[in-house]
C-alpha cells in the first residue's frame, strides 16, 4: 500500500519496493530502455550497445526455442572467459 508522497509500490507477490528493479530481467530491461544506444560491454576490442545485446540475446533465445528448449529447461554454455 502506498501513501501520498511515498514512491513505494506493492508487487503482485506482496513485495514492497521503492521502484528499483527486483529481478535481473527488470534491471536489464530498465537499462535497455534508458541506454539502448550506449556501450554496454567491450569484448576483444568490439563494443556492443545495450540495444545490440538485446537483439543478439533475443536471436539466441528464439533459436533455442525453435530447437525445443523451453522455459525451465537446463542448458550449459561453453565459451571463452573473455567477459
Protein backbone atom coordinates (compact mmCIF):
# COMPACT_ATOMS: atom_id res chain seq x y z
CA UNK A 1 0.00 0.00 0.00
CA UNK A 2 1.29 3.45 -0.94
CA UNK A 3 0.70 6.72 0.82
CA UNK A 4 0.79 10.16 -0.77
CA UNK A 5 4.40 11.19 -1.38
CA UNK A 6 5.63 7.60 -0.96
CA UNK A 7 7.26 6.18 -4.09
CA UNK A 8 6.99 2.55 -2.98
CA UNK A 9 4.71 0.05 -4.66
CA UNK A 10 3.39 -3.38 -3.82
CA UNK A 11 4.13 -6.10 -6.36
CA UNK A 12 1.70 -8.93 -7.12
CA UNK A 13 3.78 -11.27 -4.91
CA UNK A 14 3.33 -8.87 -1.99
CA UNK A 15 6.86 -7.44 -2.01
CA UNK A 16 7.11 -3.72 -1.45
CA UNK A 17 9.71 -1.88 -3.49
CA UNK A 18 10.93 1.64 -3.99
CA UNK A 19 10.79 1.37 -7.78
CA UNK A 20 14.20 -0.31 -8.12
CA UNK A 21 14.32 -3.35 -10.44
CA UNK A 22 13.68 -6.53 -8.44
CA UNK A 23 14.99 -9.07 -10.95
CA UNK A 24 17.87 -9.30 -13.39
CA UNK A 25 15.38 -9.20 -16.25
CA UNK A 26 13.82 -5.99 -14.90
CA UNK A 27 17.26 -4.42 -14.42
CA UNK A 28 18.31 -5.27 -17.97
CA UNK A 29 15.02 -4.02 -19.42
CA UNK A 30 15.39 -0.80 -17.44
CA UNK A 31 18.95 -0.35 -18.77
CA UNK A 32 17.82 -1.10 -22.31
CA UNK A 33 15.00 1.45 -22.10
CA UNK A 34 17.35 4.17 -20.86
CA UNK A 35 20.64 3.31 -22.54
CA UNK A 36 19.89 1.40 -25.79
CA UNK A 37 22.49 3.38 -27.76
CA UNK A 38 25.20 3.35 -25.09
CA UNK A 39 28.02 0.82 -24.94
CA UNK A 40 27.21 -1.99 -22.51
CA UNK A 41 30.32 -4.16 -22.95
CA UNK A 42 33.60 -4.26 -24.83
CA UNK A 43 34.88 -7.69 -25.85
CA UNK A 44 38.23 -8.15 -27.56
CA UNK A 45 38.13 -4.59 -28.90
CA UNK A 46 34.50 -4.71 -30.14
CA UNK A 47 31.88 -2.56 -28.45
CA UNK A 48 28.26 -3.67 -28.07
CA UNK A 49 25.40 -1.38 -27.09
CA UNK A 50 22.53 -2.41 -24.83
CA UNK A 51 20.32 -2.47 -27.94
CA UNK A 52 22.70 -4.78 -29.80
CA UNK A 53 22.93 -7.11 -26.81
CA UNK A 54 19.14 -7.20 -26.64
CA UNK A 55 18.87 -8.09 -30.34
CA UNK A 56 21.54 -10.78 -30.06
CA UNK A 57 20.12 -12.30 -26.89
CA UNK A 58 16.64 -12.41 -28.44
CA UNK A 59 18.09 -14.14 -31.54
CA UNK A 60 19.77 -16.77 -29.34
CA UNK A 61 16.59 -17.24 -27.27
CA UNK A 62 14.49 -17.68 -30.42
CA UNK A 63 16.99 -20.15 -31.92
CA UNK A 64 16.94 -22.20 -28.71
CA UNK A 65 13.13 -22.13 -28.58
CA UNK A 66 12.98 -23.27 -32.22
CA UNK A 67 15.13 -26.25 -31.20
CA UNK A 68 12.75 -27.21 -28.41
CA UNK A 69 14.38 -25.52 -25.41
CA UNK A 70 11.60 -24.31 -23.11
CA UNK A 71 11.47 -22.09 -20.00
CA UNK A 72 12.75 -24.09 -17.04
CA UNK A 73 14.98 -26.34 -19.16
CA UNK A 74 18.63 -26.50 -18.17
CA UNK A 75 21.31 -25.54 -20.62
CA UNK A 76 25.08 -25.28 -20.45
CA UNK A 77 27.17 -22.56 -22.04
CA UNK A 78 30.72 -23.27 -23.11
CA UNK A 79 32.54 -20.14 -24.13
CA UNK A 80 35.77 -18.27 -23.64
CA UNK A 81 36.31 -16.45 -20.37
CA UNK A 82 36.50 -13.01 -22.01
CA UNK A 83 33.56 -11.17 -20.46
